Amino acid sequence: MTEAASNFEGLLREALAPVEPPEDLVERLESTLTSITELAADELEAWELSAMRDPRNWVRPAAALMLGSAAGAGLVVLRARRRAQSSTGGLEGAREAAERAVRELSRETRRLLGER
């Protein structure tokens, strides 16, 4: 019985061992989120305002808006986390990185909307 229990414990230890993510995971995730954001922006840009009268035409723009917003928020979080990890300022550094990310998001939003 003890041999089976130790074998089971060994199997559990092996199965639950920490796994390091691939080196390029962050870059792949960032490029995927960027492409989703760009595709959503293109979809919204191609949408015609005259189609607003028919509610059946609202699905694609609404989906593009939701997916683009989620991907954009994911990009902000990903970039803020990367900056927080690269800075050695602890909690204060993380706060500054978050403030910087909000400023960059505001600046990018103004640029996309055509306001300066």
PDB file of N, CA and C in Angstrom:
ATOM      1  N   MET A   1       0.826  -1.190   0.000  1.00  0.00           N
ATOM      2  CA  MET A   1       0.000   0.000   0.000  1.00  0.00           C
ATOM      3  C   MET A   1       0.864   1.244   0.000  1.00  0.00           C
ATOM      4  N   THR A   2       1.971   1.265   0.788  1.00  0.00           N
ATOM      5  CA  THR A   2       2.825   2.448   0.835  1.00  0.00           C
ATOM      6  C   THR A   2       3.553   2.672  -0.486  1.00  0.00           C
ATOM      7  N   GLU A   3       3.878   1.591  -1.186  1.00  0.00           N
ATOM      8  CA  GLU A   3       4.535   1.746  -2.485  1.00  0.00           C
ATOM      9  C   GLU A   3       3.587   2.411  -3.490  1.00  0.00           C
ATOM     10  N   ALA A   4       2.333   2.014  -3.478  1.00  0.00           N
ATOM     11  CA  ALA A   4       1.330   2.611  -4.365  1.00  0.00           C
ATOM     12  C   ALA A   4       1.099   4.072  -4.007  1.00  0.00           C
ATOM     13  N   ALA A   5       1.096   4.377  -2.690  1.00  0.00           N
ATOM     14  CA  ALA A   5       0.881   5.761  -2.265  1.00  0.00           C
ATOM     15  C   ALA A   5       2.057   6.636  -2.671  1.00  0.00           C
ATOM     16  N   SER A   6       3.285   6.119  -2.526  1.00  0.00           N
ATOM     17  CA  SER A   6       4.440   6.941  -2.911  1.00  0.00           C
ATOM     18  C   SER A   6       4.493   7.103  -4.424  1.00  0.00           C
ATOM     19  N   ASN A   7       4.086   6.067  -5.169  1.00  0.00           N
ATOM     20  CA  ASN A   7       4.035   6.175  -6.625  1.00  0.00           C
ATOM     21  C   ASN A   7       2.990   7.211  -7.029  1.00  0.00           C
ATOM     22  N   PHE A   8       1.848   7.196  -6.343  1.00  0.00           N
ATOM     23  CA  PHE A   8       0.791   8.167  -6.623  1.00  0.00           C
ATOM     24  C   PHE A   8       1.259   9.584  -6.313  1.00  0.00           C
ATOM     25  N   GLU A   9       1.955   9.756  -5.185  1.00  0.00           N
ATOM     26  CA  GLU A   9       2.489  11.072  -4.822  1.00  0.00           C
ATOM     27  C   GLU A   9       3.508  11.544  -5.849  1.00  0.00           C
ATOM     28  N   GLY A  10       4.342  10.667  -6.327  1.00  0.00           N
ATOM     29  CA  GLY A  10       5.319  11.017  -7.357  1.00  0.00           C
ATOM     30  C   GLY A  10       4.645  11.450  -8.648  1.00  0.00           C
ATOM     31  N   LEU A  11       3.598  10.714  -9.024  1.00  0.00           N
ATOM     32  CA  LEU A  11       2.844  11.085 -10.221  1.00  0.00           C
ATOM     33  C   LEU A  11       2.174  12.448 -10.068  1.00  0.00           C
ATOM     34  N   LEU A  12       1.614  12.698  -8.886  1.00  0.00           N
ATOM     35  CA  LEU A  12       0.999  14.003  -8.636  1.00  0.00           C
ATOM     36  C   LEU A  12       2.025  15.123  -8.687  1.00  0.00           C
ATOM     37  N   ARG A  13       3.167  14.909  -8.069  1.00  0.00           N
ATOM     38  CA  ARG A  13       4.233  15.916  -8.079  1.00  0.00           C
ATOM     39  C   ARG A  13       4.666  16.237  -9.508  1.00  0.00           C
ATOM     40  N   GLU A  14       4.798  15.194 -10.305  1.00  0.00           N
ATOM     41  CA  GLU A  14       5.211  15.376 -11.705  1.00  0.00           C
ATOM     42  C   GLU A  14       4.132  16.109 -12.507  1.00  0.00           C
ATOM     43  N   ALA A  15       2.876  15.758 -12.269  1.00  0.00           N
ATOM     44  CA  ALA A  15       1.775  16.372 -13.010  1.00  0.00           C
ATOM     45  C   ALA A  15       1.565  17.830 -12.619  1.00  0.00           C
ATOM     46  N   LEU A  16       1.822  18.159 -11.355  1.00  0.00           N
ATOM     47  CA  LEU A  16       1.557  19.514 -10.876  1.00  0.00           C
ATOM     48  C   LEU A  16       2.813  20.385 -10.821  1.00  0.00           C
ATOM     49  N   ALA A  17       3.862  19.958 -11.485  1.00  0.00           N
ATOM     50  CA  ALA A  17       5.102  20.743 -11.505  1.00  0.00           C
ATOM     51  C   ALA A  17       4.859  22.038 -12.284  1.00  0.00           C
ATOM     52  N   PRO A  18       5.456  23.148 -11.831  1.00  0.00           N
ATOM     53  CA  PRO A  18       5.272  24.413 -12.541  1.00  0.00           C
ATOM     54  C   PRO A  18       5.838  24.339 -13.964  1.00  0.00           C
ATOM     55  N   VAL A  19       5.150  24.996 -14.875  1.00  0.00           N
ATOM     56  CA  VAL A  19       5.554  25.013 -16.275  1.00  0.00           C
ATOM     57  C   VAL A  19       5.864  26.452 -16.659  1.00  0.00           C
ATOM     58  N   GLU A  20       7.032  26.670 -17.214  1.00  0.00           N
ATOM     59  CA  GLU A  20       7.407  28.007 -17.676  1.00  0.00           C
ATOM     60  C   GLU A  20       6.743  28.278 -19.021  1.00  0.00           C
ATOM     61  N   PRO A  21       6.156  29.457 -19.193  1.00  0.00           N
ATOM     62  CA  PRO A  21       5.542  29.776 -20.490  1.00  0.00           C
ATOM     63  C   PRO A  21       6.624  29.975 -21.550  1.00  0.00           C
ATOM     64  N   PRO A  22       6.263  29.834 -22.808  1.00  0.00           N
ATOM     65  CA  PRO A  22       7.241  30.056 -23.872  1.00  0.00           C
ATOM     66  C   PRO A  22       7.792  31.479 -23.831  1.00  0.00           C
ATOM     67  N   GLU A  23       9.007  31.651 -24.309  1.00  0.00           N
ATOM     68  CA  GLU A  23       9.668  32.961 -24.285  1.00  0.00           C
ATOM     69  C   GLU A  23       8.879  34.014 -25.064  1.00  0.00           C
ATOM     70  N   ASP A  24       8.310  33.618 -26.177  1.00  0.00           N
ATOM     71  CA  ASP A  24       7.652  34.586 -27.057  1.00  0.00           C
ATOM     72  C   ASP A  24       6.153  34.718 -26.792  1.00  0.00           C
ATOM     73  N   LEU A  25       5.681  34.222 -25.665  1.00  0.00           N
ATOM     74  CA  LEU A  25       4.249  34.265 -25.363  1.00  0.00           C
ATOM     75  C   LEU A  25       3.722  35.696 -25.306  1.00  0.00           C
ATOM     76  N   VAL A  26       4.441  36.582 -24.653  1.00  0.00           N
ATOM     77  CA  VAL A  26       3.977  37.970 -24.506  1.00  0.00           C
ATOM     78  C   VAL A  26       3.901  38.645 -25.873  1.00  0.00           C
ATOM     79  N   GLU A  27       4.913  38.421 -26.705  1.00  0.00           N
ATOM     80  CA  GLU A  27       4.905  39.035 -28.037  1.00  0.00           C
ATOM     81  C   GLU A  27       3.759  38.492 -28.885  1.00  0.00           C
ATOM     82  N   ARG A  28       3.535  37.173 -28.810  1.00  0.00           N
ATOM     83  CA  ARG A  28       2.434  36.578 -29.580  1.00  0.00           C
ATOM     84  C   ARG A  28       1.091  37.095 -29.099  1.00  0.00           C
ATOM     85  N   LEU A  29       0.924  37.192 -27.790  1.00  0.00           N
ATOM     86  CA  LEU A  29      -0.329  37.699 -27.233  1.00  0.00           C
ATOM     87  C   LEU A  29      -0.550  39.159 -27.628  1.00  0.00           C
ATOM     88  N   GLU A  30       0.505  39.957 -27.545  1.00  0.00           N
ATOM     89  CA  GLU A  30       0.383  41.362 -27.908  1.00  0.00           C
ATOM     90  C   GLU A  30       0.053  41.526 -29.387  1.00  0.00           C
ATOM     91  N   SER A  31       0.691  40.748 -30.256  1.00  0.00           N
ATOM     92  CA  SER A  31       0.395  40.866 -31.692  1.00  0.00           C
ATOM     93  C   SER A  31      -1.024  40.400 -31.999  1.00  0.00           C
ATOM     94  N   THR A  32      -1.497  39.374 -31.306  1.00  0.00           N
ATOM     95  CA  THR A  32      -2.866  38.900 -31.521  1.00  0.00           C
ATOM     96  C   THR A  32      -3.877  39.953 -31.066  1.00  0.00           C
ATOM     97  N   LEU A  33      -3.660  40.536 -29.895  1.00  0.00           N
ATOM     98  CA  LEU A  33      -4.577  41.574 -29.405  1.00  0.00           C
ATOM     99  C   LEU A  33      -4.545  42.804 -30.312  1.00  0.00           C
ATOM    100  N   THR A  34      -3.371  43.156 -30.814  1.00  0.00           N
ATOM    101  CA  THR A  34      -3.261  44.292 -31.723  1.00  0.00           C
ATOM    102  C   THR A  34      -4.025  44.024 -33.015  1.00  0.00           C
ATOM    103  N   SER A  35      -3.888  42.827 -33.565  1.00  0.00           N
ATOM    104  CA  SER A  35      -4.603  42.524 -34.807  1.00  0.00           C
ATOM    105  C   SER A  35      -6.113  42.494 -34.593  1.00  0.00           C
ATOM    106  N   ILE A  36      -6.567  41.996 -33.442  1.00  0.00           N
ATOM    107  CA  ILE A  36      -8.007  42.006 -33.154  1.00  0.00           C
ATOM    108  C   ILE A  36      -8.509  43.440 -33.043  1.00  0.00           C
ATOM    109  N   THR A  37      -7.748  44.299 -32.382  1.00  0.00           N
ATOM    110  CA  THR A  37      -8.133  45.699 -32.254  1.00  0.00           C
ATOM    111  C   THR A  37      -8.204  46.371 -33.619  1.00  0.00           C
ATOM    112  N   GLU A  38      -7.213  46.110 -34.472  1.00  0.00           N
ATOM    113  CA  GLU A  38      -7.201  46.712 -35.805  1.00  0.00           C
ATOM    114  C   GLU A  38      -8.352  46.199 -36.659  1.00  0.00           C
ATOM    115  N   LEU A  39      -8.636  44.893 -36.584  1.00  0.00           N
ATOM    116  CA  LEU A  39      -9.756  44.340 -37.348  1.00  0.00           C
ATOM    117  C   LEU A  39     -11.090  44.931 -36.889  1.00  0.00           C
ATOM    118  N   ALA A  40     -11.236  45.103 -35.588  1.00  0.00           N
ATOM    119  CA  ALA A  40     -12.472  45.698 -35.068  1.00  0.00           C
ATOM    120  C   ALA A  40     -12.599  47.152 -35.523  1.00  0.00           C
ATOM    121  N   ALA A  41     -11.490  47.884 -35.504  1.00  0.00           N
ATOM    122  CA  ALA A  41     -11.525  49.278 -35.968  1.00  0.00           C
ATOM    123  C   ALA A  41     -11.871  49.343 -37.449  1.00  0.00           C
ATOM    124  N   ASP A  42     -11.314  48.432 -38.247  1.00  0.00           N
ATOM    125  CA  ASP A  42     -11.637  48.401 -39.678  1.00  0.00           C
ATOM    126  C   ASP A  42     -13.112  48.085 -39.898  1.00  0.00           C
ATOM    127  N   GLU A  43     -13.644  47.147 -39.113  1.00  0.00           N
ATOM    128  CA  GLU A  43     -15.059  46.786 -39.237  1.00  0.00           C
ATOM    129  C   GLU A  43     -15.947  47.985 -38.892  1.00  0.00           C
ATOM    130  N   LEU A  44     -15.612  48.693 -37.829  1.00  0.00           N
ATOM    131  CA  LEU A  44     -16.411  49.858 -37.449  1.00  0.00           C
ATOM    132  C   LEU A  44     -16.271  50.991 -38.458  1.00  0.00           C
ATOM    133  N   GLU A  45     -15.093  51.113 -39.042  1.00  0.00           N
ATOM    134  CA  GLU A  45     -14.862  52.157 -40.036  1.00  0.00           C
ATOM    135  C   GLU A  45     -15.665  51.898 -41.311  1.00  0.00           C
ATOM    136  N   ALA A  46     -15.817  50.620 -41.672  1.00  0.00           N
ATOM    137  CA  ALA A  46     -16.541  50.265 -42.891  1.00  0.00           C
ATOM    138  C   ALA A  46     -18.053  50.286 -42.698  1.00  0.00           C
ATOM    139  N   TRP A  47     -18.489  50.380 -41.465  1.00  0.00           N
ATOM    140  CA  TRP A  47     -19.919  50.342 -41.188  1.00  0.00           C
ATOM    141  C   TRP A  47     -20.576  51.630 -41.649  1.00  0.00           C
ATOM    142  N   GLU A  48     -21.710  51.496 -42.297  1.00  0.00           N
ATOM    143  CA  GLU A  48     -22.425  52.657 -42.808  1.00  0.00           C
ATOM    144  C   GLU A  48     -23.501  53.074 -41.815  1.00  0.00           C
ATOM    145  N   LEU A  49     -23.571  54.358 -41.575  1.00  0.00           N
ATOM    146  CA  LEU A  49     -24.537  54.885 -40.621  1.00  0.00           C
ATOM    147  C   LEU A  49     -25.972  54.686 -41.101  1.00  0.00           C
ATOM    148  N   SER A  50     -26.177  54.610 -42.406  1.00  0.00           N
ATOM    149  CA  SER A  50     -27.530  54.421 -42.924  1.00  0.00           C
ATOM    150  C   SER A  50     -28.085  53.044 -42.555  1.00  0.00           C
ATOM    151  N   ALA A  51     -27.221  52.107 -42.249  1.00  0.00           N
ATOM    152  CA  ALA A  51     -27.665  50.765 -41.874  1.00  0.00           C
ATOM    153  C   ALA A  51     -28.189  50.716 -40.448  1.00  0.00           C
ATOM    154  N   MET A  52     -28.093  51.796 -39.724  1.00  0.00           N
ATOM    155  CA  MET A  52     -28.512  51.838 -38.323  1.00  0.00           C
ATOM    156  C   MET A  52     -30.015  51.651 -38.167  1.00  0.00           C
ATOM    157  N   ARG A  53     -30.767  51.921 -39.204  1.00  0.00           N
ATOM    158  CA  ARG A  53     -32.233  51.835 -39.113  1.00  0.00           C
ATOM    159  C   ARG A  53     -32.712  50.414 -38.856  1.00  0.00           C
ATOM    160  N   ASP A  54     -32.007  49.455 -39.407  1.00  0.00           N
ATOM    161  CA  ASP A  54     -32.424  48.057 -39.277  1.00  0.00           C
ATOM    162  C   ASP A  54     -31.635  47.384 -38.151  1.00  0.00           C
ATOM    163  N   PRO A  55     -32.292  46.961 -37.077  1.00  0.00           N
ATOM    164  CA  PRO A  55     -31.582  46.351 -35.939  1.00  0.00           C
ATOM    165  C   PRO A  55     -30.828  45.069 -36.298  1.00  0.00           C
ATOM    166  N   ARG A  56     -31.208  44.418 -37.390  1.00  0.00           N
ATOM    167  CA  ARG A  56     -30.493  43.207 -37.789  1.00  0.00           C
ATOM    168  C   ARG A  56     -29.058  43.521 -38.201  1.00  0.00           C
ATOM    169  N   ASN A  57     -28.796  44.748 -38.556  1.00  0.00           N
ATOM    170  CA  ASN A  57     -27.453  45.145 -38.976  1.00  0.00           C
ATOM    171  C   ASN A  57     -26.573  45.576 -37.802  1.00  0.00           C
ATOM    172  N   TRP A  58     -27.081  45.538 -36.597  1.00  0.00           N
ATOM    173  CA  TRP A  58     -26.336  46.020 -35.439  1.00  0.00           C
ATOM    174  C   TRP A  58     -25.371  44.975 -34.883  1.00  0.00           C
ATOM    175  N   VAL A  59     -25.522  43.729 -35.258  1.00  0.00           N
ATOM    176  CA  VAL A  59     -24.750  42.645 -34.658  1.00  0.00           C
ATOM    177  C   VAL A  59     -23.251  42.808 -34.930  1.00  0.00           C
ATOM    178  N   ARG A  60     -22.876  42.985 -36.176  1.00  0.00           N
ATOM    179  CA  ARG A  60     -21.445  43.071 -36.510  1.00  0.00           C
ATOM    180  C   ARG A  60     -20.763  44.270 -35.868  1.00  0.00           C
ATOM    181  N   PRO A  61     -21.357  45.477 -35.950  1.00  0.00           N
ATOM    182  CA  PRO A  61     -20.692  46.601 -35.271  1.00  0.00           C
ATOM    183  C   PRO A  61     -20.646  46.442 -33.754  1.00  0.00           C
ATOM    184  N   ALA A  62     -21.697  45.876 -33.175  1.00  0.00           N
ATOM    185  CA  ALA A  62     -21.692  45.677 -31.724  1.00  0.00           C
ATOM    186  C   ALA A  62     -20.623  44.664 -31.324  1.00  0.00           C
ATOM    187  N   ALA A  63     -20.497  43.590 -32.093  1.00  0.00           N
ATOM    188  CA  ALA A  63     -19.458  42.590 -31.812  1.00  0.00           C
ATOM    189  C   ALA A  63     -18.072  43.193 -32.001  1.00  0.00           C
ATOM    190  N   ALA A  64     -17.902  43.990 -33.053  1.00  0.00           N
ATOM    191  CA  ALA A  64     -16.606  44.634 -33.288  1.00  0.00           C
ATOM    192  C   ALA A  64     -16.266  45.599 -32.161  1.00  0.00           C
ATOM    193  N   LEU A  65     -17.262  46.318 -31.681  1.00  0.00           N
ATOM    194  CA  LEU A  65     -17.037  47.253 -30.585  1.00  0.00           C
ATOM    195  C   LEU A  65     -16.641  46.519 -29.304  1.00  0.00           C
ATOM    196  N   MET A  66     -17.346  45.443 -28.993  1.00  0.00           N
ATOM    197  CA  MET A  66     -17.031  44.686 -27.774  1.00  0.00           C
ATOM    198  C   MET A  66     -15.666  44.012 -27.867  1.00  0.00           C
ATOM    199  N   LEU A  67     -15.389  43.352 -28.980  1.00  0.00           N
ATOM    200  CA  LEU A  67     -14.103  42.665 -29.129  1.00  0.00           C
ATOM    201  C   LEU A  67     -12.942  43.645 -29.181  1.00  0.00           C
ATOM    202  N   GLY A  68     -13.136  44.747 -29.887  1.00  0.00           N
ATOM    203  CA  GLY A  68     -12.080  45.758 -29.959  1.00  0.00           C
ATOM    204  C   GLY A  68     -11.794  46.382 -28.608  1.00  0.00           C
ATOM    205  N   SER A  69     -12.842  46.632 -27.843  1.00  0.00           N
ATOM    206  CA  SER A  69     -12.667  47.197 -26.503  1.00  0.00           C
ATOM    207  C   SER A  69     -11.957  46.215 -25.580  1.00  0.00           C
ATOM    208  N   ALA A  70     -12.359  44.950 -25.638  1.00  0.00           N
ATOM    209  CA  ALA A  70     -11.726  43.939 -24.790  1.00  0.00           C
ATOM    210  C   ALA A  70     -10.259  43.747 -25.165  1.00  0.00           C
ATOM    211  N   ALA A  71      -9.971  43.711 -26.459  1.00  0.00           N
ATOM    212  CA  ALA A  71      -8.582  43.544 -26.896  1.00  0.00           C
ATOM    213  C   ALA A  71      -7.749  44.768 -26.531  1.00  0.00           C
ATOM    214  N   GLY A  72      -8.323  45.958 -26.664  1.00  0.00           N
ATOM    215  CA  GLY A  72      -7.609  47.176 -26.278  1.00  0.00           C
ATOM    216  C   GLY A  72      -7.325  47.208 -24.784  1.00  0.00           C
ATOM    217  N   ALA A  73      -8.297  46.805 -23.995  1.00  0.00           N
ATOM    218  CA  ALA A  73      -8.089  46.755 -22.545  1.00  0.00           C
ATOM    219  C   ALA A  73      -7.020  45.721 -22.193  1.00  0.00           C
ATOM    220  N   GLY A  74      -7.034  44.598 -22.888  1.00  0.00           N
ATOM    221  CA  GLY A  74      -6.009  43.581 -22.668  1.00  0.00           C
ATOM    222  C   GLY A  74      -4.622  44.088 -23.004  1.00  0.00           C
ATOM    223  N   LEU A  75      -4.519  44.861 -24.086  1.00  0.00           N
ATOM    224  CA  LEU A  75      -3.224  45.458 -24.450  1.00  0.00           C
ATOM    225  C   LEU A  75      -2.732  46.416 -23.380  1.00  0.00           C
ATOM    226  N   VAL A  76      -3.635  47.234 -22.852  1.00  0.00           N
ATOM    227  CA  VAL A  76      -3.248  48.184 -21.810  1.00  0.00           C
ATOM    228  C   VAL A  76      -2.738  47.441 -20.586  1.00  0.00           C
ATOM    229  N   VAL A  77      -3.456  46.398 -20.171  1.00  0.00           N
ATOM    230  CA  VAL A  77      -3.045  45.629 -19.003  1.00  0.00           C
ATOM    231  C   VAL A  77      -1.712  44.936 -19.251  1.00  0.00           C
ATOM    232  N   LEU A  78      -1.557  44.354 -20.426  1.00  0.00           N
ATOM    233  CA  LEU A  78      -0.318  43.648 -20.758  1.00  0.00           C
ATOM    234  C   LEU A  78       0.877  44.588 -20.742  1.00  0.00           C
ATOM    235  N   ARG A  79       0.715  45.749 -21.351  1.00  0.00           N
ATOM    236  CA  ARG A  79       1.830  46.704 -21.398  1.00  0.00           C
ATOM    237  C   ARG A  79       2.120  47.300 -20.032  1.00  0.00           C
ATOM    238  N   ALA A  80       1.089  47.560 -19.246  1.00  0.00           N
ATOM    239  CA  ALA A  80       1.303  48.093 -17.894  1.00  0.00           C
ATOM    240  C   ALA A  80       2.011  47.060 -17.027  1.00  0.00           C
ATOM    241  N   ARG A  81       1.642  45.815 -17.177  1.00  0.00           N
ATOM    242  CA  ARG A  81       2.297  44.758 -16.391  1.00  0.00           C
ATOM    243  C   ARG A  81       3.760  44.612 -16.782  1.00  0.00           C
ATOM    244  N   ARG A  82       4.034  44.690 -18.080  1.00  0.00           N
ATOM    245  CA  ARG A  82       5.417  44.589 -18.541  1.00  0.00           C
ATOM    246  C   ARG A  82       6.254  45.742 -17.990  1.00  0.00           C
ATOM    247  N   ARG A  83       5.695  46.939 -17.992  1.00  0.00           N
ATOM    248  CA  ARG A  83       6.435  48.090 -17.453  1.00  0.00           C
ATOM    249  C   ARG A  83       6.633  47.964 -15.952  1.00  0.00           C
ATOM    250  N   ALA A  84       5.615  47.459 -15.251  1.00  0.00           N
ATOM    251  CA  ALA A  84       5.728  47.295 -13.805  1.00  0.00           C
ATOM    252  C   ALA A  84       6.786  46.253 -13.464  1.00  0.00           C
ATOM    253  N   GLN A  85       6.892  45.209 -14.252  1.00  0.00           N
ATOM    254  CA  GLN A  85       7.896  44.184 -14.002  1.00  0.00           C
ATOM    255  C   GLN A  85       9.296  44.681 -14.318  1.00  0.00           C
ATOM    256  N   SER A  86       9.406  45.548 -15.329  1.00  0.00           N
ATOM    257  CA  SER A  86      10.729  46.030 -15.705  1.00  0.00           C
ATOM    258  C   SER A  86      11.243  47.108 -14.751  1.00  0.00           C
ATOM    259  N   SER A  87      10.327  47.807 -14.078  1.00  0.00           N
ATOM    260  CA  SER A  87      10.769  48.811 -13.110  1.00  0.00           C
ATOM    261  C   SER A  87      10.991  48.148 -11.758  1.00  0.00           C
ATOM    262  N   THR A  88      11.924  48.682 -11.001  1.00  0.00           N
ATOM    263  CA  THR A  88      12.244  48.076  -9.710  1.00  0.00           C
ATOM    264  C   THR A  88      11.695  48.909  -8.560  1.00  0.00           C
ATOM    265  N   GLY A  89      10.722  49.752  -8.818  1.00  0.00           N
ATOM    266  CA  GLY A  89      10.213  50.659  -7.806  1.00  0.00           C
ATOM    267  C   GLY A  89       9.156  50.068  -6.894  1.00  0.00           C
ATOM    268  N   GLY A  90       8.873  48.791  -7.006  1.00  0.00           N
ATOM    269  CA  GLY A  90       7.878  48.169  -6.138  1.00  0.00           C
ATOM    270  C   GLY A  90       6.490  48.701  -6.410  1.00  0.00           C
ATOM    271  N   LEU A  91       5.735  48.931  -5.364  1.00  0.00           N
ATOM    272  CA  LEU A  91       4.357  49.393  -5.474  1.00  0.00           C
ATOM    273  C   LEU A  91       4.290  50.790  -6.087  1.00  0.00           C
ATOM    274  N   GLU A  92       5.204  51.652  -5.691  1.00  0.00           N
ATOM    275  CA  GLU A  92       5.232  53.013  -6.253  1.00  0.00           C
ATOM    276  C   GLU A  92       5.516  52.960  -7.755  1.00  0.00           C
ATOM    277  N   GLY A  93       6.426  52.096  -8.159  1.00  0.00           N
ATOM    278  CA  GLY A  93       6.733  51.934  -9.584  1.00  0.00           C
ATOM    279  C   GLY A  93       5.546  51.399 -10.357  1.00  0.00           C
ATOM    280  N   ALA A  94       4.802  50.498  -9.753  1.00  0.00           N
ATOM    281  CA  ALA A  94       3.613  49.953 -10.414  1.00  0.00           C
ATOM    282  C   ALA A  94       2.551  51.039 -10.570  1.00  0.00           C
ATOM    283  N   ARG A  95       2.404  51.877  -9.549  1.00  0.00           N
ATOM    284  CA  ARG A  95       1.435  52.979  -9.634  1.00  0.00           C
ATOM    285  C   ARG A  95       1.831  53.947 -10.736  1.00  0.00           C
ATOM    286  N   GLU A  96       3.115  54.276 -10.812  1.00  0.00           N
ATOM    287  CA  GLU A  96       3.588  55.180 -11.861  1.00  0.00           C
ATOM    288  C   GLU A  96       3.406  54.568 -13.242  1.00  0.00           C
ATOM    289  N   ALA A  97       3.645  53.268 -13.356  1.00  0.00           N
ATOM    290  CA  ALA A  97       3.447  52.589 -14.636  1.00  0.00           C
ATOM    291  C   ALA A  97       1.979  52.611 -15.034  1.00  0.00           C
ATOM    292  N   ALA A  98       1.077  52.427 -14.075  1.00  0.00           N
ATOM    293  CA  ALA A  98      -0.360  52.477 -14.371  1.00  0.00           C
ATOM    294  C   ALA A  98      -0.785  53.881 -14.796  1.00  0.00           C
ATOM    295  N   GLU A  99      -0.255  54.902 -14.104  1.00  0.00           N
ATOM    296  CA  GLU A  99      -0.569  56.283 -14.483  1.00  0.00           C
ATOM    297  C   GLU A  99      -0.049  56.586 -15.887  1.00  0.00           C
ATOM    298  N   ARG A 100       1.144  56.104 -16.201  1.00  0.00           N
ATOM    299  CA  ARG A 100       1.728  56.309 -17.534  1.00  0.00           C
ATOM    300  C   ARG A 100       0.883  55.614 -18.589  1.00  0.00           C
ATOM    301  N   ALA A 101       0.394  54.409 -18.279  1.00  0.00           N
ATOM    302  CA  ALA A 101      -0.444  53.678 -19.229  1.00  0.00           C
ATOM    303  C   ALA A 101      -1.753  54.414 -19.484  1.00  0.00           C
ATOM    304  N   VAL A 102      -2.332  54.995 -18.435  1.00  0.00           N
ATOM    305  CA  VAL A 102      -3.571  55.757 -18.605  1.00  0.00           C
ATOM    306  C   VAL A 102      -3.321  56.991 -19.466  1.00  0.00           C
ATOM    307  N   ARG A 103      -2.192  57.678 -19.229  1.00  0.00           N
ATOM    308  CA  ARG A 103      -1.859  58.847 -20.065  1.00  0.00           C
ATOM    309  C   ARG A 103      -1.668  58.443 -21.522  1.00  0.00           C
ATOM    310  N   GLU A 104      -0.976  57.326 -21.751  1.00  0.00           N
ATOM    311  CA  GLU A 104      -0.765  56.863 -23.119  1.00  0.00           C
ATOM    312  C   GLU A 104      -2.073  56.461 -23.774  1.00  0.00           C
ATOM    313  N   LEU A 105      -2.953  55.812 -23.011  1.00  0.00           N
ATOM    314  CA  LEU A 105      -4.256  55.435 -23.538  1.00  0.00           C
ATOM    315  C   LEU A 105      -5.067  56.669 -23.904  1.00  0.00           C
ATOM    316  N   SER A 106      -5.015  57.683 -23.073  1.00  0.00           N
ATOM    317  CA  SER A 106      -5.717  58.928 -23.353  1.00  0.00           C
ATOM    318  C   SER A 106      -5.165  59.594 -24.609  1.00  0.00           C
ATOM    319  N   ARG A 107      -3.844  59.641 -24.711  1.00  0.00           N
ATOM    320  CA  ARG A 107      -3.202  60.246 -25.877  1.00  0.00           C
ATOM    321  C   ARG A 107      -3.545  59.472 -27.151  1.00  0.00           C
ATOM    322  N   GLU A 108      -3.518  58.146 -27.088  1.00  0.00           N
ATOM    323  CA  GLU A 108      -3.837  57.325 -28.256  1.00  0.00           C
ATOM    324  C   GLU A 108      -5.308  57.461 -28.638  1.00  0.00           C
ATOM    325  N   THR A 109      -6.193  57.552 -27.656  1.00  0.00           N
ATOM    326  CA  THR A 109      -7.617  57.733 -27.933  1.00  0.00           C
ATOM    327  C   THR A 109      -7.864  59.060 -28.628  1.00  0.00           C
ATOM    328  N   ARG A 110      -7.220  60.121 -28.123  1.00  0.00           N
ATOM    329  CA  ARG A 110      -7.370  61.429 -28.777  1.00  0.00           C
ATOM    330  C   ARG A 110      -6.846  61.391 -30.204  1.00  0.00           C
ATOM    331  N   ARG A 111      -5.735  60.695 -30.417  1.00  0.00           N
ATOM    332  CA  ARG A 111      -5.151  60.605 -31.757  1.00  0.00           C
ATOM    333  C   ARG A 111      -6.104  59.871 -32.696  1.00  0.00           C
ATOM    334  N   LEU A 112      -6.696  58.780 -32.218  1.00  0.00           N
ATOM    335  CA  LEU A 112      -7.598  58.013 -33.058  1.00  0.00           C
ATOM    336  C   LEU A 112      -8.883  58.774 -33.363  1.00  0.00           C
ATOM    337  N   LEU A 113      -9.331  59.579 -32.434  1.00  0.00           N
ATOM    338  CA  LEU A 113     -10.550  60.352 -32.653  1.00  0.00           C
ATOM    339  C   LEU A 113     -10.308  61.644 -33.413  1.00  0.00           C
ATOM    340  N   GLY A 114      -9.066  61.970 -33.666  1.00  0.00           N
ATOM    341  CA  GLY A 114      -8.752  63.150 -34.449  1.00  0.00           C
ATOM    342  C   GLY A 114      -8.626  64.416 -33.631  1.00  0.00           C
ATOM    343  N   GLU A 115      -8.678  64.330 -32.309  1.00  0.00           N
ATOM    344  CA  GLU A 115      -8.532  65.506 -31.466  1.00  0.00           C
ATOM    345  C   GLU A 115      -7.097  65.601 -30.984  1.00  0.00           C
ATOM    346  N   ARG A 116      -6.638  66.771 -30.728  1.00  0.00           N
ATOM    347  CA  ARG A 116      -5.256  66.937 -30.247  1.00  0.00           C
ATOM    348  C   ARG A 116      -5.252  67.566 -28.914  1.00  0.00           C
TER     349      ARG A 116
END
